[in-house]
Amino acid sequence: MAERLNKKLRVLIAKPGLDGHNRGALTVAKFLADKGSEVIYSGLNQTPEMIVNTAIQEDVDAIGLSILSGAHMLYFKRIRKLLRDHKTNILLFGGGIIPKNDKKELEEMGIQTFTPGTALEDIWSYLIDNC
C-alpha cells in the first residue's frame, strides 16, 4: 500500500462482447479519472484477449468490466484465466446486471462486482484497498 501512495492508479475499463450500453462504464471511467487515476477506456466490442493484451501493454493495476448482456460469468472467467496464464496480478472487478447468486460466485473467485446503484466512492475505496 505504501508503494501505491507514490503511483497513480491505472485502470482499464472495458466492454466485452456485443453489449453496446456504455453509460455506466463511461460514468465509472470519468469518476476514477476525476479522482486522479489514469483511466484507459477500451471501447465497445472487446474480446477477452483484446482486454488482457491492452491491460498488459498499458501496465494497469486493475481491469473493470462493464457487462449488461448477461454473459458476465463467461467473460469474467475467461479474462481471469487469461490473466493467470500471463502470470499477472492485475485486479479484476466489474459491474452491471449481475444476479445475486452469480455475484456471490464471482466474489468467491476473488472478483468484486458492483451493481447499479452502487456509490462510486465504494468502487474507489475498493480499488485503493486492493491495488
C-alpha atoms as a PDB file:
ATOM      1  CA  MET A   1       0.000   0.000   0.000  1.00  0.00           C
ATOM      2  CA  ALA A   2       2.832   2.434   0.772  1.00  0.00           C
ATOM      3  CA  GLU A   3       4.169   1.949  -2.751  1.00  0.00           C
ATOM      4  CA  ARG A   4       0.688   2.763  -4.090  1.00  0.00           C
ATOM      5  CA  LEU A   5       0.728   6.209  -2.473  1.00  0.00           C
ATOM      6  CA  ASN A   6       3.505   7.350  -4.819  1.00  0.00           C
ATOM      7  CA  LYS A   7       1.986   5.954  -8.006  1.00  0.00           C
ATOM      8  CA  LYS A   8      -1.210   6.851  -9.834  1.00  0.00           C
ATOM      9  CA  LEU A   9      -3.744   4.087 -10.053  1.00  0.00           C
ATOM     10  CA  ARG A  10      -4.021   2.835 -13.669  1.00  0.00           C
ATOM     11  CA  VAL A  11      -7.349   1.256 -14.575  1.00  0.00           C
ATOM     12  CA  LEU A  12      -8.630  -0.245 -17.794  1.00  0.00           C
ATOM     13  CA  ILE A  13     -12.407  -0.002 -18.223  1.00  0.00           C
ATOM     14  CA  ALA A  14     -13.615  -2.491 -20.814  1.00  0.00           C
ATOM     15  CA  LYS A  15     -16.856  -3.561 -22.510  1.00  0.00           C
ATOM     16  CA  PRO A  16     -16.565  -7.200 -23.572  1.00  0.00           C
ATOM     17  CA  GLY A  17     -18.715  -8.749 -26.256  1.00  0.00           C
ATOM     18  CA  LEU A  18     -21.574  -7.177 -28.124  1.00  0.00           C
ATOM     19  CA  ASP A  19     -23.003  -5.186 -25.218  1.00  0.00           C
ATOM     20  CA  GLY A  20     -23.452  -1.653 -26.563  1.00  0.00           C
ATOM     21  CA  HIS A  21     -24.664   0.048 -23.371  1.00  0.00           C
ATOM     22  CA  ASN A  22     -21.679   2.002 -22.107  1.00  0.00           C
ATOM     23  CA  ARG A  23     -23.156   4.756 -19.931  1.00  0.00           C
ATOM     24  CA  GLY A  24     -22.123   3.024 -16.692  1.00  0.00           C
ATOM     25  CA  ALA A  25     -18.634   2.294 -17.967  1.00  0.00           C
ATOM     26  CA  LEU A  26     -18.159   5.906 -19.010  1.00  0.00           C
ATOM     27  CA  THR A  27     -19.502   7.157 -15.666  1.00  0.00           C
ATOM     28  CA  VAL A  28     -17.069   4.975 -13.720  1.00  0.00           C
ATOM     29  CA  ALA A  29     -14.180   5.912 -16.023  1.00  0.00           C
ATOM     30  CA  LYS A  30     -14.842   9.638 -15.568  1.00  0.00           C
ATOM     31  CA  PHE A  31     -15.206   9.280 -11.812  1.00  0.00           C
ATOM     32  CA  LEU A  32     -11.914   7.396 -11.499  1.00  0.00           C
ATOM     33  CA  ALA A  33     -10.165   9.957 -13.704  1.00  0.00           C
ATOM     34  CA  ASP A  34     -11.582  12.775 -11.570  1.00  0.00           C
ATOM     35  CA  LYS A  35     -10.118  11.012  -8.518  1.00  0.00           C
ATOM     36  CA  GLY A  36      -6.679  11.203 -10.153  1.00  0.00           C
ATOM     37  CA  SER A  37      -6.440   7.758 -11.719  1.00  0.00           C
ATOM     38  CA  GLU A  38      -5.097   7.143 -15.178  1.00  0.00           C
ATOM     39  CA  VAL A  39      -8.012   5.527 -16.986  1.00  0.00           C
ATOM     40  CA  ILE A  40      -7.916   3.706 -20.291  1.00  0.00           C
ATOM     41  CA  TYR A  41     -11.315   3.060 -21.860  1.00  0.00           C
ATOM     42  CA  SER A  42     -11.045   0.282 -24.414  1.00  0.00           C
ATOM     43  CA  GLY A  43     -14.355   0.969 -26.107  1.00  0.00           C
ATOM     44  CA  LEU A  44     -17.098  -1.409 -27.182  1.00  0.00           C
ATOM     45  CA  ASN A  45     -16.981  -4.926 -28.605  1.00  0.00           C
ATOM     46  CA  GLN A  46     -13.752  -6.087 -26.992  1.00  0.00           C
ATOM     47  CA  THR A  47     -12.732  -9.743 -26.848  1.00  0.00           C
ATOM     48  CA  PRO A  48     -11.232 -11.134 -23.634  1.00  0.00           C
ATOM     49  CA  GLU A  49      -7.888 -11.444 -25.421  1.00  0.00           C
ATOM     50  CA  MET A  50      -8.010  -7.812 -26.538  1.00  0.00           C
ATOM     51  CA  ILE A  51      -8.824  -6.688 -22.995  1.00  0.00           C
ATOM     52  CA  VAL A  52      -5.998  -8.653 -21.379  1.00  0.00           C
ATOM     53  CA  ASN A  53      -3.481  -7.622 -24.046  1.00  0.00           C
ATOM     54  CA  THR A  54      -4.410  -3.963 -23.587  1.00  0.00           C
ATOM     55  CA  ALA A  55      -4.148  -4.296 -19.813  1.00  0.00           C
ATOM     56  CA  ILE A  56      -0.676  -5.779 -20.059  1.00  0.00           C
ATOM     57  CA  GLN A  57       0.532  -3.268 -22.662  1.00  0.00           C
ATOM     58  CA  GLU A  58      -0.803  -0.354 -20.612  1.00  0.00           C
ATOM     59  CA  ASP A  59       0.617  -1.771 -17.349  1.00  0.00           C
ATOM     60  CA  VAL A  60      -2.662  -1.300 -15.489  1.00  0.00           C
ATOM     61  CA  ASP A  61      -3.323  -2.106 -11.860  1.00  0.00           C
ATOM     62  CA  ALA A  62      -6.924  -3.140 -12.453  1.00  0.00           C
ATOM     63  CA  ILE A  63      -9.420  -4.098 -15.131  1.00  0.00           C
ATOM     64  CA  GLY A  64     -13.036  -3.080 -14.685  1.00  0.00           C
ATOM     65  CA  LEU A  65     -15.526  -4.896 -16.884  1.00  0.00           C
ATOM     66  CA  SER A  66     -18.931  -3.439 -17.590  1.00  0.00           C
ATOM     67  CA  ILE A  67     -21.354  -6.171 -18.625  1.00  0.00           C
ATOM     68  CA  LEU A  68     -25.083  -5.800 -19.148  1.00  0.00           C
ATOM     69  CA  SER A  69     -25.530  -8.583 -21.704  1.00  0.00           C
ATOM     70  CA  GLY A  70     -25.995 -11.467 -19.277  1.00  0.00           C
ATOM     71  CA  ALA A  71     -22.686 -13.052 -20.329  1.00  0.00           C
ATOM     72  CA  HIS A  72     -20.848 -11.901 -17.204  1.00  0.00           C
ATOM     73  CA  MET A  73     -19.831 -15.369 -15.970  1.00  0.00           C
ATOM     74  CA  LEU A  74     -18.326 -16.280 -19.341  1.00  0.00           C
ATOM     75  CA  TYR A  75     -16.323 -13.058 -19.626  1.00  0.00           C
ATOM     76  CA  PHE A  76     -15.144 -12.848 -16.028  1.00  0.00           C
ATOM     77  CA  LYS A  77     -13.971 -16.474 -16.048  1.00  0.00           C
ATOM     78  CA  ARG A  78     -12.243 -16.178 -19.427  1.00  0.00           C
ATOM     79  CA  ILE A  79     -10.442 -12.944 -18.555  1.00  0.00           C
ATOM     80  CA  ARG A  80      -9.460 -14.290 -15.148  1.00  0.00           C
ATOM     81  CA  LYS A  81      -7.939 -17.364 -16.850  1.00  0.00           C
ATOM     82  CA  LEU A  82      -6.059 -15.227 -19.368  1.00  0.00           C
ATOM     83  CA  LEU A  83      -4.658 -13.055 -16.579  1.00  0.00           C
ATOM     84  CA  ARG A  84      -3.475 -16.162 -14.746  1.00  0.00           C
ATOM     85  CA  ASP A  85      -1.964 -17.573 -17.946  1.00  0.00           C
ATOM     86  CA  HIS A  86       0.044 -14.335 -18.262  1.00  0.00           C
ATOM     87  CA  LYS A  87       1.010 -14.552 -14.574  1.00  0.00           C
ATOM     88  CA  THR A  88      -0.158 -11.030 -13.796  1.00  0.00           C
ATOM     89  CA  ASN A  89      -1.563  -9.675 -10.564  1.00  0.00           C
ATOM     90  CA  ILE A  90      -3.919  -7.269 -12.288  1.00  0.00           C
ATOM     91  CA  LEU A  91      -7.035  -6.875 -10.178  1.00  0.00           C
ATOM     92  CA  LEU A  92     -10.247  -7.845 -11.976  1.00  0.00           C
ATOM     93  CA  PHE A  93     -13.532  -6.243 -10.951  1.00  0.00           C
ATOM     94  CA  GLY A  94     -16.686  -5.213 -12.692  1.00  0.00           C
ATOM     95  CA  GLY A  95     -20.256  -4.193 -12.734  1.00  0.00           C
ATOM     96  CA  GLY A  96     -23.543  -4.479 -14.485  1.00  0.00           C
ATOM     97  CA  ILE A  97     -26.667  -6.537 -14.156  1.00  0.00           C
ATOM     98  CA  ILE A  98     -25.430  -9.484 -12.116  1.00  0.00           C
ATOM     99  CA  PRO A  99     -27.820 -11.797 -10.251  1.00  0.00           C
ATOM    100  CA  LYS A 100     -27.115 -12.336  -6.534  1.00  0.00           C
ATOM    101  CA  ASN A 101     -26.081 -15.981  -6.956  1.00  0.00           C
ATOM    102  CA  ASP A 102     -23.605 -15.076  -9.698  1.00  0.00           C
ATOM    103  CA  LYS A 103     -22.332 -12.121  -7.665  1.00  0.00           C
ATOM    104  CA  LYS A 104     -21.621 -14.480  -4.772  1.00  0.00           C
ATOM    105  CA  GLU A 105     -19.825 -16.994  -7.030  1.00  0.00           C
ATOM    106  CA  LEU A 106     -17.695 -14.247  -8.544  1.00  0.00           C
ATOM    107  CA  GLU A 107     -16.778 -12.924  -5.103  1.00  0.00           C
ATOM    108  CA  GLU A 108     -15.733 -16.449  -4.094  1.00  0.00           C
ATOM    109  CA  MET A 109     -13.420 -16.365  -7.128  1.00  0.00           C
ATOM    110  CA  GLY A 110     -11.953 -13.072  -5.895  1.00  0.00           C
ATOM    111  CA  ILE A 111     -13.840 -10.863  -8.347  1.00  0.00           C
ATOM    112  CA  GLN A 112     -15.720  -7.962  -6.764  1.00  0.00           C
ATOM    113  CA  THR A 113     -18.783  -6.756  -8.641  1.00  0.00           C
ATOM    114  CA  PHE A 114     -20.797  -3.568  -8.343  1.00  0.00           C
ATOM    115  CA  THR A 115     -24.401  -3.443  -9.429  1.00  0.00           C
ATOM    116  CA  PRO A 116     -26.487  -0.418 -10.453  1.00  0.00           C
ATOM    117  CA  GLY A 117     -26.968   1.971  -7.564  1.00  0.00           C
ATOM    118  CA  THR A 118     -23.551   1.351  -6.035  1.00  0.00           C
ATOM    119  CA  ALA A 119     -21.956   4.539  -4.759  1.00  0.00           C
ATOM    120  CA  LEU A 120     -18.971   5.445  -6.933  1.00  0.00           C
ATOM    121  CA  GLU A 121     -16.954   6.065  -3.765  1.00  0.00           C
ATOM    122  CA  ASP A 122     -17.394   2.363  -2.913  1.00  0.00           C
ATOM    123  CA  ILE A 123     -15.663   1.423  -6.165  1.00  0.00           C
ATOM    124  CA  TRP A 124     -12.868   3.892  -5.442  1.00  0.00           C
ATOM    125  CA  SER A 125     -12.398   2.551  -1.899  1.00  0.00           C
ATOM    126  CA  TYR A 126     -12.282  -1.000  -3.194  1.00  0.00           C
ATOM    127  CA  LEU A 127      -9.586  -0.130  -5.724  1.00  0.00           C
ATOM    128  CA  ILE A 128      -7.486   1.806  -3.217  1.00  0.00           C
ATOM    129  CA  ASP A 129      -7.712  -1.045  -0.717  1.00  0.00           C
ATOM    130  CA  ASN A 130      -6.896  -3.785  -3.222  1.00  0.00           C
ATOM    131  CA  CYS A 131      -4.419  -2.390  -5.744  1.00  0.00           C
END
